[in-house]
PDB file of N, CA and C in Angstrom:
ATOM      1  N   UNK A   1      64.862 -53.744   7.040  1.00  0.00           N
ATOM      2  CA  UNK A   1      65.636 -54.603   6.122  1.00  0.00           C
ATOM      3  C   UNK A   1      64.727 -55.681   5.508  1.00  0.00           C
ATOM      4  N   UNK A   2      63.744 -56.140   6.288  1.00  0.00           N
ATOM      5  CA  UNK A   2      62.856 -57.199   5.782  1.00  0.00           C
ATOM      6  C   UNK A   2      62.035 -56.687   4.601  1.00  0.00           C
ATOM      7  N   UNK A   3      61.586 -55.445   4.672  1.00  0.00           N
ATOM      8  CA  UNK A   3      60.790 -54.896   3.563  1.00  0.00           C
ATOM      9  C   UNK A   3      61.651 -54.750   2.313  1.00  0.00           C
ATOM     10  N   UNK A   4      62.908 -54.348   2.477  1.00  0.00           N
ATOM     11  CA  UNK A   4      63.801 -54.216   1.319  1.00  0.00           C
ATOM     12  C   UNK A   4      64.015 -55.588   0.670  1.00  0.00           C
ATOM     13  N   UNK A   5      64.110 -56.638   1.496  1.00  0.00           N
ATOM     14  CA  UNK A   5      64.279 -57.991   0.958  1.00  0.00           C
ATOM     15  C   UNK A   5      63.033 -58.396   0.166  1.00  0.00           C
ATOM     16  N   UNK A   6      61.854 -58.022   0.648  1.00  0.00           N
ATOM     17  CA  UNK A   6      60.609 -58.377  -0.038  1.00  0.00           C
ATOM     18  C   UNK A   6      60.504 -57.635  -1.371  1.00  0.00           C
ATOM     19  N   UNK A   7      60.971 -56.378  -1.400  1.00  0.00           N
ATOM     20  CA  UNK A   7      60.883 -55.577  -2.615  1.00  0.00           C
ATOM     21  C   UNK A   7      62.003 -55.896  -3.602  1.00  0.00           C
ATOM     22  N   UNK A   8      62.942 -56.745  -3.195  1.00  0.00           N
ATOM     23  CA  UNK A   8      64.074 -57.097  -4.070  1.00  0.00           C
ATOM     24  C   UNK A   8      63.547 -57.815  -5.310  1.00  0.00           C
ATOM     25  N   UNK A   9      63.879 -57.348  -6.523  1.00  0.00           N
ATOM     26  CA  UNK A   9      63.379 -57.970  -7.755  1.00  0.00           C
ATOM     27  C   UNK A   9      63.683 -59.461  -7.844  1.00  0.00           C
ATOM     28  N   UNK A  10      64.796 -59.894  -7.257  1.00  0.00           N
ATOM     29  CA  UNK A  10      65.169 -61.314  -7.325  1.00  0.00           C
ATOM     30  C   UNK A  10      64.168 -62.177  -6.548  1.00  0.00           C
ATOM     31  N   UNK A  11      63.484 -61.582  -5.546  1.00  0.00           N
ATOM     32  CA  UNK A  11      62.493 -62.316  -4.762  1.00  0.00           C
ATOM     33  C   UNK A  11      61.103 -62.191  -5.383  1.00  0.00           C
ATOM     34  N   UNK A  12      60.955 -61.284  -6.369  1.00  0.00           N
ATOM     35  CA  UNK A  12      59.658 -61.078  -7.010  1.00  0.00           C
ATOM     36  C   UNK A  12      59.464 -62.168  -8.060  1.00  0.00           C
ATOM     37  N   UNK A  13      58.725 -63.223  -7.672  1.00  0.00           N
ATOM     38  CA  UNK A  13      58.591 -64.397  -8.535  1.00  0.00           C
ATOM     39  C   UNK A  13      57.408 -64.315  -9.481  1.00  0.00           C
ATOM     40  N   UNK A  14      57.228 -65.400 -10.233  1.00  0.00           N
ATOM     41  CA  UNK A  14      56.170 -65.475 -11.237  1.00  0.00           C
ATOM     42  C   UNK A  14      54.791 -65.493 -10.569  1.00  0.00           C
ATOM     43  N   UNK A  15      54.702 -66.108  -9.388  1.00  0.00           N
ATOM     44  CA  UNK A  15      53.413 -66.179  -8.683  1.00  0.00           C
ATOM     45  C   UNK A  15      52.897 -64.781  -8.351  1.00  0.00           C
ATOM     46  N   UNK A  16      53.798 -63.909  -7.848  1.00  0.00           N
ATOM     47  CA  UNK A  16      53.394 -62.544  -7.526  1.00  0.00           C
ATOM     48  C   UNK A  16      52.930 -61.816  -8.782  1.00  0.00           C
ATOM     49  N   UNK A  17      53.650 -62.021  -9.895  1.00  0.00           N
ATOM     50  CA  UNK A  17      53.314 -61.358 -11.158  1.00  0.00           C
ATOM     51  C   UNK A  17      51.942 -61.816 -11.641  1.00  0.00           C
ATOM     52  N   UNK A  18      51.675 -63.115 -11.582  1.00  0.00           N
ATOM     53  CA  UNK A  18      50.368 -63.644 -11.990  1.00  0.00           C
ATOM     54  C   UNK A  18      49.269 -63.075 -11.088  1.00  0.00           C
ATOM     55  N   UNK A  19      49.555 -62.969  -9.794  1.00  0.00           N
ATOM     56  CA  UNK A  19      48.579 -62.416  -8.854  1.00  0.00           C
ATOM     57  C   UNK A  19      48.242 -60.973  -9.184  1.00  0.00           C
ATOM     58  N   UNK A  20      49.262 -60.174  -9.489  1.00  0.00           N
ATOM     59  CA  UNK A  20      49.049 -58.765  -9.832  1.00  0.00           C
ATOM     60  C   UNK A  20      48.214 -58.658 -11.106  1.00  0.00           C
ATOM     61  N   UNK A  21      48.516 -59.489 -12.104  1.00  0.00           N
ATOM     62  CA  UNK A  21      47.777 -59.466 -13.374  1.00  0.00           C
ATOM     63  C   UNK A  21      46.326 -59.872 -13.132  1.00  0.00           C
ATOM     64  N   UNK A  22      46.109 -60.905 -12.298  1.00  0.00           N
ATOM     65  CA  UNK A  22      44.754 -61.371 -12.008  1.00  0.00           C
ATOM     66  C   UNK A  22      43.940 -60.267 -11.331  1.00  0.00           C
ATOM     67  N   UNK A  23      44.544 -59.569 -10.356  1.00  0.00           N
ATOM     68  CA  UNK A  23      43.864 -58.475  -9.659  1.00  0.00           C
ATOM     69  C   UNK A  23      43.539 -57.354 -10.643  1.00  0.00           C
ATOM     70  N   UNK A  24      44.490 -57.033 -11.522  1.00  0.00           N
ATOM     71  CA  UNK A  24      44.268 -55.976 -12.519  1.00  0.00           C
ATOM     72  C   UNK A  24      43.110 -56.337 -13.445  1.00  0.00           C
ATOM     73  N   UNK A  25      43.022 -57.604 -13.841  1.00  0.00           N
ATOM     74  CA  UNK A  25      41.925 -58.047 -14.721  1.00  0.00           C
ATOM     75  C   UNK A  25      40.588 -57.923 -14.007  1.00  0.00           C
ATOM     76  N   UNK A  26      40.532 -58.297 -12.723  1.00  0.00           N
ATOM     77  CA  UNK A  26      39.293 -58.217 -11.951  1.00  0.00           C
ATOM     78  C   UNK A  26      38.847 -56.761 -11.830  1.00  0.00           C
ATOM     79  N   UNK A  27      39.796 -55.873 -11.504  1.00  0.00           N
ATOM     80  CA  UNK A  27      39.475 -54.446 -11.352  1.00  0.00           C
ATOM     81  C   UNK A  27      38.982 -53.868 -12.672  1.00  0.00           C
ATOM     82  N   UNK A  28      39.672 -54.185 -13.771  1.00  0.00           N
ATOM     83  CA  UNK A  28      39.293 -53.641 -15.080  1.00  0.00           C
ATOM     84  C   UNK A  28      37.915 -54.156 -15.489  1.00  0.00           C
ATOM     85  N   UNK A  29      37.637 -55.440 -15.240  1.00  0.00           N
ATOM     86  CA  UNK A  29      36.333 -56.003 -15.616  1.00  0.00           C
ATOM     87  C   UNK A  29      35.220 -55.343 -14.803  1.00  0.00           C
ATOM     88  N   UNK A  30      35.471 -55.042 -13.515  1.00  0.00           N
ATOM     89  CA  UNK A  30      34.470 -54.376 -12.679  1.00  0.00           C
ATOM     90  C   UNK A  30      34.238 -52.951 -13.154  1.00  0.00           C
ATOM     91  N   UNK A  31      35.335 -52.268 -13.527  1.00  0.00           N
ATOM     92  CA  UNK A  31      35.203 -50.897 -14.023  1.00  0.00           C
ATOM     93  C   UNK A  31      34.381 -50.875 -15.307  1.00  0.00           C
ATOM     94  N   UNK A  32      34.617 -51.840 -16.201  1.00  0.00           N
ATOM     95  CA  UNK A  32      33.849 -51.921 -17.459  1.00  0.00           C
ATOM     96  C   UNK A  32      32.375 -52.166 -17.129  1.00  0.00           C
ATOM     97  N   UNK A  33      32.107 -53.042 -16.172  1.00  0.00           N
ATOM     98  CA  UNK A  33      30.728 -53.326 -15.766  1.00  0.00           C
ATOM     99  C   UNK A  33      30.039 -52.081 -15.222  1.00  0.00           C
ATOM    100  N   UNK A  34      30.732 -51.306 -14.388  1.00  0.00           N
ATOM    101  CA  UNK A  34      30.162 -50.073 -13.838  1.00  0.00           C
ATOM    102  C   UNK A  34      29.908 -49.057 -14.948  1.00  0.00           C
ATOM    103  N   UNK A  35      30.835 -48.953 -15.904  1.00  0.00           N
ATOM    104  CA  UNK A  35      30.679 -48.023 -17.026  1.00  0.00           C
ATOM    105  C   UNK A  35      29.421 -48.374 -17.822  1.00  0.00           C
ATOM    106  N   UNK A  36      29.209 -49.667 -18.071  1.00  0.00           N
ATOM    107  CA  UNK A  36      28.036 -50.114 -18.825  1.00  0.00           C
ATOM    108  C   UNK A  36      26.758 -49.813 -18.045  1.00  0.00           C
ATOM    109  N   UNK A  37      26.791 -50.017 -16.728  1.00  0.00           N
ATOM    110  CA  UNK A  37      25.610 -49.734 -15.899  1.00  0.00           C
ATOM    111  C   UNK A  37      25.278 -48.246 -15.942  1.00  0.00           C
ATOM    112  N   UNK A  38      26.317 -47.397 -15.836  1.00  0.00           N
ATOM    113  CA  UNK A  38      26.104 -45.941 -15.849  1.00  0.00           C
ATOM    114  C   UNK A  38      25.539 -45.517 -17.210  1.00  0.00           C
ATOM    115  N   UNK A  39      26.086 -46.058 -18.285  1.00  0.00           N
ATOM    116  CA  UNK A  39      25.609 -45.704 -19.630  1.00  0.00           C
ATOM    117  C   UNK A  39      24.183 -46.220 -19.842  1.00  0.00           C
ATOM    118  N   UNK A  40      23.915 -47.447 -19.363  1.00  0.00           N
ATOM    119  CA  UNK A  40      22.581 -48.033 -19.531  1.00  0.00           C
ATOM    120  C   UNK A  40      21.538 -47.296 -18.709  1.00  0.00           C
ATOM    121  N   UNK A  41      21.931 -46.857 -17.496  1.00  0.00           N
ATOM    122  CA  UNK A  41      21.007 -46.160 -16.606  1.00  0.00           C
ATOM    123  C   UNK A  41      20.806 -44.737 -17.037  1.00  0.00           C
TER     124      UNK A  41
END
């Protein structure tokens, strides 16, 4: 029941959304960096 409460959209706040976006930006920037290294090498 605790996991269902955590996954409830009403409990999914702006902080979690900002965190997810920040992680996505970090991952995408690293992927772009690796792509450039592979192309350069």
